[in-house]
Amino acid sequence: MTGERRFHVLVRDPAAGGSFEEWKGWLDGDGMHFTMSHPPARRLELRFLLPGAGVETRAGGEVLRVDRNGDAFLAHARLDGMDGASRAAVEKFLEEA
């Protein structure tokens, strides 16, 4: 299960600009899931290095749902805007999970 294979996700609100924030997350067939200390924007920029991959993946993310997890916010985002190599790396990661 990929939920057990957590990795670092860099997240940024493109409308607000500024720096990327680092959070722990995981990837499954539904998209990227990560815990934040504050509610996320609806559209995000995401950067992550999949376990076993040697190249950083960059993607857009549309936040579909946010759940409360104690004091944290668990964001569920659908990935989009990836180039072909990034999409192939994500598909390979999911197949091997």
PDB file of N, CA and C in Angstrom:
ATOM      1  N   MET A   1       0.851  -1.190   0.000  1.00  0.00           N
ATOM      2  CA  MET A   1       0.000   0.000   0.000  1.00  0.00           C
ATOM      3  C   MET A   1       0.887   1.240   0.000  1.00  0.00           C
ATOM      4  N   THR A   2       0.625   2.174  -0.893  1.00  0.00           N
ATOM      5  CA  THR A   2       1.489   3.342  -0.995  1.00  0.00           C
ATOM      6  C   THR A   2       1.343   4.276   0.195  1.00  0.00           C
ATOM      7  N   GLY A   3       0.242   4.196   0.926  1.00  0.00           N
ATOM      8  CA  GLY A   3       0.079   5.028   2.110  1.00  0.00           C
ATOM      9  C   GLY A   3       1.162   4.775   3.141  1.00  0.00           C
ATOM     10  N   GLU A   4       1.748   3.582   3.104  1.00  0.00           N
ATOM     11  CA  GLU A   4       2.824   3.249   4.021  1.00  0.00           C
ATOM     12  C   GLU A   4       4.172   3.716   3.479  1.00  0.00           C
ATOM     13  N   ARG A   5       4.246   4.123   2.232  1.00  0.00           N
ATOM     14  CA  ARG A   5       5.487   4.588   1.604  1.00  0.00           C
ATOM     15  C   ARG A   5       5.448   6.116   1.534  1.00  0.00           C
ATOM     16  N   ARG A   6       5.537   6.724   2.673  1.00  0.00           N
ATOM     17  CA  ARG A   6       5.461   8.187   2.734  1.00  0.00           C
ATOM     18  C   ARG A   6       6.772   8.810   2.272  1.00  0.00           C
ATOM     19  N   PHE A   7       6.659  10.000   1.723  1.00  0.00           N
ATOM     20  CA  PHE A   7       7.825  10.746   1.257  1.00  0.00           C
ATOM     21  C   PHE A   7       7.538  12.235   1.386  1.00  0.00           C
ATOM     22  N   HIS A   8       8.548  13.036   1.179  1.00  0.00           N
ATOM     23  CA  HIS A   8       8.406  14.484   1.313  1.00  0.00           C
ATOM     24  C   HIS A   8       7.772  15.072   0.063  1.00  0.00           C
ATOM     25  N   VAL A   9       6.827  15.983   0.277  1.00  0.00           N
ATOM     26  CA  VAL A   9       6.140  16.680  -0.804  1.00  0.00           C
ATOM     27  C   VAL A   9       6.349  18.171  -0.575  1.00  0.00           C
ATOM     28  N   LEU A  10       6.820  18.867  -1.596  1.00  0.00           N
ATOM     29  CA  LEU A  10       6.938  20.322  -1.534  1.00  0.00           C
ATOM     30  C   LEU A  10       5.676  20.912  -2.141  1.00  0.00           C
ATOM     31  N   VAL A  11       5.028  21.813  -1.406  1.00  0.00           N
ATOM     32  CA  VAL A  11       3.721  22.337  -1.784  1.00  0.00           C
ATOM     33  C   VAL A  11       3.769  23.857  -1.789  1.00  0.00           C
ATOM     34  N   ARG A  12       3.151  24.452  -2.828  1.00  0.00           N
ATOM     35  CA  ARG A  12       3.094  25.909  -2.913  1.00  0.00           C
ATOM     36  C   ARG A  12       1.773  26.327  -3.525  1.00  0.00           C
ATOM     37  N   ASP A  13       1.212  27.401  -3.024  1.00  0.00           N
ATOM     38  CA  ASP A  13       0.006  28.017  -3.592  1.00  0.00           C
ATOM     39  C   ASP A  13       0.474  28.963  -4.693  1.00  0.00           C
ATOM     40  N   PRO A  14       0.211  28.657  -5.983  1.00  0.00           N
ATOM     41  CA  PRO A  14       0.719  29.504  -7.063  1.00  0.00           C
ATOM     42  C   PRO A  14       0.112  30.908  -7.058  1.00  0.00           C
ATOM     43  N   ALA A  15      -1.096  31.059  -6.551  1.00  0.00           N
ATOM     44  CA  ALA A  15      -1.725  32.384  -6.514  1.00  0.00           C
ATOM     45  C   ALA A  15      -1.048  33.284  -5.486  1.00  0.00           C
ATOM     46  N   ALA A  16      -0.620  32.700  -4.370  1.00  0.00           N
ATOM     47  CA  ALA A  16       0.029  33.484  -3.316  1.00  0.00           C
ATOM     48  C   ALA A  16       1.516  33.666  -3.582  1.00  0.00           C
ATOM     49  N   GLY A  17       2.104  32.753  -4.378  1.00  0.00           N
ATOM     50  CA  GLY A  17       3.547  32.808  -4.622  1.00  0.00           C
ATOM     51  C   GLY A  17       4.299  32.371  -3.386  1.00  0.00           C
ATOM     52  N   GLY A  18       5.493  32.866  -3.250  1.00  0.00           N
ATOM     53  CA  GLY A  18       6.286  32.517  -2.073  1.00  0.00           C
ATOM     54  C   GLY A  18       7.006  31.202  -2.229  1.00  0.00           C
ATOM     55  N   SER A  19       7.490  30.693  -1.116  1.00  0.00           N
ATOM     56  CA  SER A  19       8.307  29.483  -1.087  1.00  0.00           C
ATOM     57  C   SER A  19       7.449  28.230  -1.005  1.00  0.00           C
ATOM     58  N   PHE A  20       8.048  27.118  -1.397  1.00  0.00           N
ATOM     59  CA  PHE A  20       7.418  25.813  -1.212  1.00  0.00           C
ATOM     60  C   PHE A  20       7.540  25.423   0.256  1.00  0.00           C
ATOM     61  N   GLU A  21       6.513  24.749   0.781  1.00  0.00           N
ATOM     62  CA  GLU A  21       6.536  24.205   2.137  1.00  0.00           C
ATOM     63  C   GLU A  21       6.659  22.696   2.028  1.00  0.00           C
ATOM     64  N   GLU A  22       7.412  22.086   2.940  1.00  0.00           N
ATOM     65  CA  GLU A  22       7.633  20.646   2.907  1.00  0.00           C
ATOM     66  C   GLU A  22       6.687  19.941   3.869  1.00  0.00           C
ATOM     67  N   TRP A  23       5.990  18.911   3.356  1.00  0.00           N
ATOM     68  CA  TRP A  23       5.060  18.114   4.145  1.00  0.00           C
ATOM     69  C   TRP A  23       5.289  16.647   3.839  1.00  0.00           C
ATOM     70  N   LYS A  24       4.810  15.768   4.710  1.00  0.00           N
ATOM     71  CA  LYS A  24       4.856  14.323   4.471  1.00  0.00           C
ATOM     72  C   LYS A  24       3.603  13.928   3.700  1.00  0.00           C
ATOM     73  N   GLY A  25       3.784  13.057   2.686  1.00  0.00           N
ATOM     74  CA  GLY A  25       2.639  12.640   1.902  1.00  0.00           C
ATOM     75  C   GLY A  25       2.804  11.260   1.324  1.00  0.00           C
ATOM     76  N   TRP A  26       1.807  10.828   0.590  1.00  0.00           N
ATOM     77  CA  TRP A  26       1.848   9.556  -0.120  1.00  0.00           C
ATOM     78  C   TRP A  26       0.993   9.668  -1.370  1.00  0.00           C
ATOM     79  N   LEU A  27       1.188   8.714  -2.255  1.00  0.00           N
ATOM     80  CA  LEU A  27       0.547   8.717  -3.558  1.00  0.00           C
ATOM     81  C   LEU A  27      -0.183   7.404  -3.746  1.00  0.00           C
ATOM     82  N   ASP A  28      -1.410   7.475  -4.270  1.00  0.00           N
ATOM     83  CA  ASP A  28      -2.126   6.266  -4.653  1.00  0.00           C
ATOM     84  C   ASP A  28      -2.891   6.567  -5.942  1.00  0.00           C
ATOM     85  N   GLY A  29      -3.722   5.643  -6.379  1.00  0.00           N
ATOM     86  CA  GLY A  29      -4.446   5.820  -7.629  1.00  0.00           C
ATOM     87  C   GLY A  29      -5.378   7.015  -7.650  1.00  0.00           C
ATOM     88  N   ASP A  30      -5.764   7.512  -6.492  1.00  0.00           N
ATOM     89  CA  ASP A  30      -6.650   8.677  -6.409  1.00  0.00           C
ATOM     90  C   ASP A  30      -5.902  10.001  -6.460  1.00  0.00           C
ATOM     91  N   GLY A  31      -4.585   9.973  -6.236  1.00  0.00           N
ATOM     92  CA  GLY A  31      -3.800  11.202  -6.282  1.00  0.00           C
ATOM     93  C   GLY A  31      -2.818  11.305  -5.126  1.00  0.00           C
ATOM     94  N   MET A  32      -2.442  12.542  -4.816  1.00  0.00           N
ATOM     95  CA  MET A  32      -1.481  12.836  -3.757  1.00  0.00           C
ATOM     96  C   MET A  32      -2.239  13.192  -2.486  1.00  0.00           C
ATOM     97  N   HIS A  33      -1.754  12.692  -1.363  1.00  0.00           N
ATOM     98  CA  HIS A  33      -2.360  12.958  -0.060  1.00  0.00           C
ATOM     99  C   HIS A  33      -1.243  13.437   0.858  1.00  0.00           C
ATOM    100  N   PHE A  34      -1.478  14.518   1.584  1.00  0.00           N
ATOM    101  CA  PHE A  34      -0.447  15.046   2.474  1.00  0.00           C
ATOM    102  C   PHE A  34      -1.087  15.825   3.609  1.00  0.00           C
ATOM    103  N   THR A  35      -0.384  15.859   4.737  1.00  0.00           N
ATOM    104  CA  THR A  35      -0.864  16.535   5.930  1.00  0.00           C
ATOM    105  C   THR A  35      -0.187  17.886   6.053  1.00  0.00           C
ATOM    106  N   MET A  36      -0.991  18.913   6.311  1.00  0.00           N
ATOM    107  CA  MET A  36      -0.501  20.290   6.451  1.00  0.00           C
ATOM    108  C   MET A  36      -0.960  20.853   7.789  1.00  0.00           C
ATOM    109  N   SER A  37      -0.329  21.924   8.215  1.00  0.00           N
ATOM    110  CA  SER A  37      -0.723  22.560   9.472  1.00  0.00           C
ATOM    111  C   SER A  37      -1.796  23.623   9.269  1.00  0.00           C
ATOM    112  N   HIS A  38      -2.153  23.871   8.011  1.00  0.00           N
ATOM    113  CA  HIS A  38      -3.175  24.871   7.692  1.00  0.00           C
ATOM    114  C   HIS A  38      -3.967  24.393   6.484  1.00  0.00           C
ATOM    115  N   PRO A  39      -5.173  24.924   6.269  1.00  0.00           N
ATOM    116  CA  PRO A  39      -5.958  24.501   5.111  1.00  0.00           C
ATOM    117  C   PRO A  39      -5.257  24.908   3.804  1.00  0.00           C
ATOM    118  N   PRO A  40      -5.264  24.026   2.800  1.00  0.00           N
ATOM    119  CA  PRO A  40      -4.600  24.340   1.535  1.00  0.00           C
ATOM    120  C   PRO A  40      -5.481  25.181   0.622  1.00  0.00           C
ATOM    121  N   ALA A  41      -4.849  25.795  -0.371  1.00  0.00           N
ATOM    122  CA  ALA A  41      -5.586  26.477  -1.434  1.00  0.00           C
ATOM    123  C   ALA A  41      -6.216  25.410  -2.340  1.00  0.00           C
ATOM    124  N   ARG A  42      -7.100  25.821  -3.204  1.00  0.00           N
ATOM    125  CA  ARG A  42      -7.776  24.880  -4.119  1.00  0.00           C
ATOM    126  C   ARG A  42      -6.822  24.347  -5.191  1.00  0.00           C
ATOM    127  N   ARG A  43      -5.912  25.188  -5.695  1.00  0.00           N
ATOM    128  CA  ARG A  43      -4.913  24.800  -6.700  1.00  0.00           C
ATOM    129  C   ARG A  43      -3.529  24.910  -6.081  1.00  0.00           C
ATOM    130  N   LEU A  44      -2.692  23.910  -6.335  1.00  0.00           N
ATOM    131  CA  LEU A  44      -1.357  23.884  -5.748  1.00  0.00           C
ATOM    132  C   LEU A  44      -0.316  23.498  -6.790  1.00  0.00           C
ATOM    133  N   GLU A  45       0.919  23.863  -6.511  1.00  0.00           N
ATOM    134  CA  GLU A  45       2.071  23.341  -7.240  1.00  0.00           C
ATOM    135  C   GLU A  45       2.723  22.321  -6.317  1.00  0.00           C
ATOM    136  N   LEU A  46       3.065  21.149  -6.872  1.00  0.00           N
ATOM    137  CA  LEU A  46       3.646  20.071  -6.086  1.00  0.00           C
ATOM    138  C   LEU A  46       4.970  19.641  -6.700  1.00  0.00           C
ATOM    139  N   ARG A  47       5.924  19.331  -5.843  1.00  0.00           N
ATOM    140  CA  ARG A  47       7.223  18.776  -6.253  1.00  0.00           C
ATOM    141  C   ARG A  47       7.530  17.643  -5.298  1.00  0.00           C
ATOM    142  N   PHE A  48       7.985  16.513  -5.841  1.00  0.00           N
ATOM    143  CA  PHE A  48       8.304  15.373  -4.988  1.00  0.00           C
ATOM    144  C   PHE A  48       9.259  14.433  -5.705  1.00  0.00           C
ATOM    145  N   LEU A  49       9.996  13.691  -4.897  1.00  0.00           N
ATOM    146  CA  LEU A  49      10.913  12.672  -5.384  1.00  0.00           C
ATOM    147  C   LEU A  49      10.358  11.330  -4.931  1.00  0.00           C
ATOM    148  N   LEU A  50       9.873  10.548  -5.901  1.00  0.00           N
ATOM    149  CA  LEU A  50       9.304   9.247  -5.567  1.00  0.00           C
ATOM    150  C   LEU A  50      10.401   8.307  -5.073  1.00  0.00           C
ATOM    151  N   PRO A  51      10.100   7.474  -4.083  1.00  0.00           N
ATOM    152  CA  PRO A  51      11.093   6.503  -3.626  1.00  0.00           C
ATOM    153  C   PRO A  51      11.583   5.651  -4.802  1.00  0.00           C
ATOM    154  N   GLY A  52      12.884   5.568  -4.964  1.00  0.00           N
ATOM    155  CA  GLY A  52      13.470   4.796  -6.047  1.00  0.00           C
ATOM    156  C   GLY A  52      13.675   5.570  -7.331  1.00  0.00           C
ATOM    157  N   ALA A  53      13.126   6.764  -7.430  1.00  0.00           N
ATOM    158  CA  ALA A  53      13.279   7.583  -8.636  1.00  0.00           C
ATOM    159  C   ALA A  53      14.450   8.533  -8.450  1.00  0.00           C
ATOM    160  N   GLY A  54      15.109   8.868  -9.529  1.00  0.00           N
ATOM    161  CA  GLY A  54      16.253   9.760  -9.439  1.00  0.00           C
ATOM    162  C   GLY A  54      15.957  11.177  -9.878  1.00  0.00           C
ATOM    163  N   VAL A  55      14.731  11.433 -10.308  1.00  0.00           N
ATOM    164  CA  VAL A  55      14.372  12.749 -10.840  1.00  0.00           C
ATOM    165  C   VAL A  55      13.143  13.283 -10.097  1.00  0.00           C
ATOM    166  N   GLU A  56      13.188  14.556  -9.777  1.00  0.00           N
ATOM    167  CA  GLU A  56      12.058  15.194  -9.104  1.00  0.00           C
ATOM    168  C   GLU A  56      10.865  15.282 -10.047  1.00  0.00           C
ATOM    169  N   THR A  57       9.680  15.004  -9.524  1.00  0.00           N
ATOM    170  CA  THR A  57       8.433  15.129 -10.272  1.00  0.00           C
ATOM    171  C   THR A  57       7.789  16.452  -9.911  1.00  0.00           C
ATOM    172  N   ARG A  58       7.335  17.164 -10.941  1.00  0.00           N
ATOM    173  CA  ARG A  58       6.603  18.420 -10.738  1.00  0.00           C
ATOM    174  C   ARG A  58       5.206  18.248 -11.316  1.00  0.00           C
ATOM    175  N   ALA A  59       4.219  18.716 -10.556  1.00  0.00           N
ATOM    176  CA  ALA A  59       2.836  18.559 -10.987  1.00  0.00           C
ATOM    177  C   ALA A  59       1.984  19.677 -10.421  1.00  0.00           C
ATOM    178  N   GLY A  60       0.870  19.882 -11.065  1.00  0.00           N
ATOM    179  CA  GLY A  60      -0.167  20.716 -10.494  1.00  0.00           C
ATOM    180  C   GLY A  60      -1.053  19.820  -9.650  1.00  0.00           C
ATOM    181  N   GLY A  61      -1.776  20.396  -8.756  1.00  0.00           N
ATOM    182  CA  GLY A  61      -2.689  19.614  -7.928  1.00  0.00           C
ATOM    183  C   GLY A  61      -3.977  20.370  -7.682  1.00  0.00           C
ATOM    184  N   GLU A  62      -5.090  19.712  -7.928  1.00  0.00           N
ATOM    185  CA  GLU A  62      -6.399  20.275  -7.613  1.00  0.00           C
ATOM    186  C   GLU A  62      -6.876  19.598  -6.335  1.00  0.00           C
ATOM    187  N   VAL A  63      -7.043  20.369  -5.274  1.00  0.00           N
ATOM    188  CA  VAL A  63      -7.480  19.812  -3.992  1.00  0.00           C
ATOM    189  C   VAL A  63      -8.954  19.448  -4.103  1.00  0.00           C
ATOM    190  N   LEU A  64      -9.233  18.165  -3.916  1.00  0.00           N
ATOM    191  CA  LEU A  64     -10.596  17.657  -4.032  1.00  0.00           C
ATOM    192  C   LEU A  64     -11.308  17.588  -2.693  1.00  0.00           C
ATOM    193  N   ARG A  65     -10.518  17.354  -1.633  1.00  0.00           N
ATOM    194  CA  ARG A  65     -11.111  17.197  -0.311  1.00  0.00           C
ATOM    195  C   ARG A  65     -10.064  17.510   0.739  1.00  0.00           C
ATOM    196  N   VAL A  66     -10.509  18.016   1.874  1.00  0.00           N
ATOM    197  CA  VAL A  66      -9.631  18.250   3.026  1.00  0.00           C
ATOM    198  C   VAL A  66     -10.323  17.678   4.255  1.00  0.00           C
ATOM    199  N   ASP A  67      -9.606  16.818   4.968  1.00  0.00           N
ATOM    200  CA  ASP A  67     -10.125  16.224   6.204  1.00  0.00           C
ATOM    201  C   ASP A  67      -9.324  16.760   7.382  1.00  0.00           C
ATOM    202  N   ARG A  68      -9.983  16.876   8.527  1.00  0.00           N
ATOM    203  CA  ARG A  68      -9.268  17.242   9.752  1.00  0.00           C
ATOM    204  C   ARG A  68      -8.666  15.987  10.356  1.00  0.00           C
ATOM    205  N   ASN A  69      -7.439  16.120  10.836  1.00  0.00           N
ATOM    206  CA  ASN A  69      -6.744  15.019  11.498  1.00  0.00           C
ATOM    207  C   ASN A  69      -6.103  15.613  12.749  1.00  0.00           C
ATOM    208  N   GLY A  70      -6.891  15.733  13.821  1.00  0.00           N
ATOM    209  CA  GLY A  70      -6.423  16.427  15.021  1.00  0.00           C
ATOM    210  C   GLY A  70      -6.257  17.902  14.707  1.00  0.00           C
ATOM    211  N   ASP A  71      -5.058  18.433  14.938  1.00  0.00           N
ATOM    212  CA  ASP A  71      -4.784  19.839  14.639  1.00  0.00           C
ATOM    213  C   ASP A  71      -4.343  20.052  13.191  1.00  0.00           C
ATOM    214  N   ALA A  72      -4.196  18.974  12.441  1.00  0.00           N
ATOM    215  CA  ALA A  72      -3.678  19.062  11.071  1.00  0.00           C
ATOM    216  C   ALA A  72      -4.809  18.949  10.046  1.00  0.00           C
ATOM    217  N   PHE A  73      -4.469  19.245   8.798  1.00  0.00           N
ATOM    218  CA  PHE A  73      -5.389  19.156   7.678  1.00  0.00           C
ATOM    219  C   PHE A  73      -4.817  18.148   6.674  1.00  0.00           C
ATOM    220  N   LEU A  74      -5.599  17.126   6.348  1.00  0.00           N
ATOM    221  CA  LEU A  74      -5.184  16.121   5.389  1.00  0.00           C
ATOM    222  C   LEU A  74      -5.792  16.472   4.035  1.00  0.00           C
ATOM    223  N   ALA A  75      -4.931  16.884   3.093  1.00  0.00           N
ATOM    224  CA  ALA A  75      -5.382  17.294   1.770  1.00  0.00           C
ATOM    225  C   ALA A  75      -5.311  16.121   0.805  1.00  0.00           C
ATOM    226  N   HIS A  76      -6.309  16.020  -0.058  1.00  0.00           N
ATOM    227  CA  HIS A  76      -6.377  14.997  -1.093  1.00  0.00           C
ATOM    228  C   HIS A  76      -6.426  15.739  -2.425  1.00  0.00           C
ATOM    229  N   ALA A  77      -5.399  15.565  -3.261  1.00  0.00           N
ATOM    230  CA  ALA A  77      -5.300  16.338  -4.501  1.00  0.00           C
ATOM    231  C   ALA A  77      -5.138  15.427  -5.710  1.00  0.00           C
ATOM    232  N   ARG A  78      -5.815  15.787  -6.798  1.00  0.00           N
ATOM    233  CA  ARG A  78      -5.648  15.099  -8.074  1.00  0.00           C
ATOM    234  C   ARG A  78      -4.490  15.757  -8.808  1.00  0.00           C
ATOM    235  N   LEU A  79      -3.563  14.945  -9.326  1.00  0.00           N
ATOM    236  CA  LEU A  79      -2.399  15.464 -10.039  1.00  0.00           C
ATOM    237  C   LEU A  79      -2.768  15.815 -11.471  1.00  0.00           C
ATOM    238  N   ASP A  80      -2.173  16.891 -11.972  1.00  0.00           N
ATOM    239  CA  ASP A  80      -2.343  17.259 -13.372  1.00  0.00           C
ATOM    240  C   ASP A  80      -1.132  18.057 -13.825  1.00  0.00           C
ATOM    241  N   GLY A  81      -1.044  18.335 -15.113  1.00  0.00           N
ATOM    242  CA  GLY A  81       0.015  19.181 -15.637  1.00  0.00           C
ATOM    243  C   GLY A  81       1.401  18.562 -15.628  1.00  0.00           C
ATOM    244  N   MET A  82       1.489  17.223 -15.568  1.00  0.00           N
ATOM    245  CA  MET A  82       2.801  16.573 -15.570  1.00  0.00           C
ATOM    246  C   MET A  82       3.276  16.338 -17.000  1.00  0.00           C
ATOM    247  N   ASP A  83       4.604  16.390 -17.187  1.00  0.00           N
ATOM    248  CA  ASP A  83       5.145  16.020 -18.493  1.00  0.00           C
ATOM    249  C   ASP A  83       5.128  14.494 -18.611  1.00  0.00           C
ATOM    250  N   GLY A  84       5.459  13.987 -19.796  1.00  0.00           N
ATOM    251  CA  GLY A  84       5.391  12.559 -20.049  1.00  0.00           C
ATOM    252  C   GLY A  84       6.280  11.729 -19.141  1.00  0.00           C
ATOM    253  N   ALA A  85       7.495  12.205 -18.880  1.00  0.00           N
ATOM    254  CA  ALA A  85       8.422  11.463 -18.023  1.00  0.00           C
ATOM    255  C   ALA A  85       7.900  11.398 -16.588  1.00  0.00           C
ATOM    256  N   SER A  86       7.343  12.490 -16.096  1.00  0.00           N
ATOM    257  CA  SER A  86       6.797  12.504 -14.734  1.00  0.00           C
ATOM    258  C   SER A  86       5.596  11.572 -14.630  1.00  0.00           C
ATOM    259  N   ARG A  87       4.721  11.621 -15.628  1.00  0.00           N
ATOM    260  CA  ARG A  87       3.544  10.748 -15.618  1.00  0.00           C
ATOM    261  C   ARG A  87       3.968   9.279 -15.637  1.00  0.00           C
ATOM    262  N   ALA A  88       4.979   8.946 -16.449  1.00  0.00           N
ATOM    263  CA  ALA A  88       5.474   7.571 -16.508  1.00  0.00           C
ATOM    264  C   ALA A  88       6.065   7.142 -15.163  1.00  0.00           C
ATOM    265  N   ALA A  89       6.795   8.037 -14.490  1.00  0.00           N
ATOM    266  CA  ALA A  89       7.379   7.711 -13.186  1.00  0.00           C
ATOM    267  C   ALA A  89       6.283   7.455 -12.159  1.00  0.00           C
ATOM    268  N   VAL A  90       5.230   8.255 -12.174  1.00  0.00           N
ATOM    269  CA  VAL A  90       4.123   8.070 -11.242  1.00  0.00           C
ATOM    270  C   VAL A  90       3.424   6.738 -11.524  1.00  0.00           C
ATOM    271  N   GLU A  91       3.162   6.444 -12.802  1.00  0.00           N
ATOM    272  CA  GLU A  91       2.499   5.184 -13.156  1.00  0.00           C
ATOM    273  C   GLU A  91       3.339   3.979 -12.736  1.00  0.00           C
ATOM    274  N   LYS A  92       4.648   4.054 -12.952  1.00  0.00           N
ATOM    275  CA  LYS A  92       5.538   2.966 -12.549  1.00  0.00           C
ATOM    276  C   LYS A  92       5.522   2.783 -11.034  1.00  0.00           C
ATOM    277  N   PHE A  93       5.584   3.881 -10.305  1.00  0.00           N
ATOM    278  CA  PHE A  93       5.542   3.832  -8.844  1.00  0.00           C
ATOM    279  C   PHE A  93       4.254   3.148  -8.364  1.00  0.00           C
ATOM    280  N   LEU A  94       3.128   3.514  -8.961  1.00  0.00           N
ATOM    281  CA  LEU A  94       1.841   2.937  -8.545  1.00  0.00           C
ATOM    282  C   LEU A  94       1.758   1.459  -8.894  1.00  0.00           C
ATOM    283  N   GLU A  95       2.302   1.058 -10.034  1.00  0.00           N
ATOM    284  CA  GLU A  95       2.295  -0.353 -10.422  1.00  0.00           C
ATOM    285  C   GLU A  95       3.113  -1.212  -9.469  1.00  0.00           C
ATOM    286  N   GLU A  96       4.205  -0.650  -8.960  1.00  0.00           N
ATOM    287  CA  GLU A  96       5.096  -1.404  -8.088  1.00  0.00           C
ATOM    288  C   GLU A  96       4.659  -1.391  -6.636  1.00  0.00           C
ATOM    289  N   ALA A  97       3.665  -0.582  -6.322  1.00  0.00           N
ATOM    290  CA  ALA A  97       3.210  -0.450  -4.926  1.00  0.00           C
ATOM    291  C   ALA A  97       2.435  -1.677  -4.479  1.00  0.00           C
TER     292      ALA A  97
END
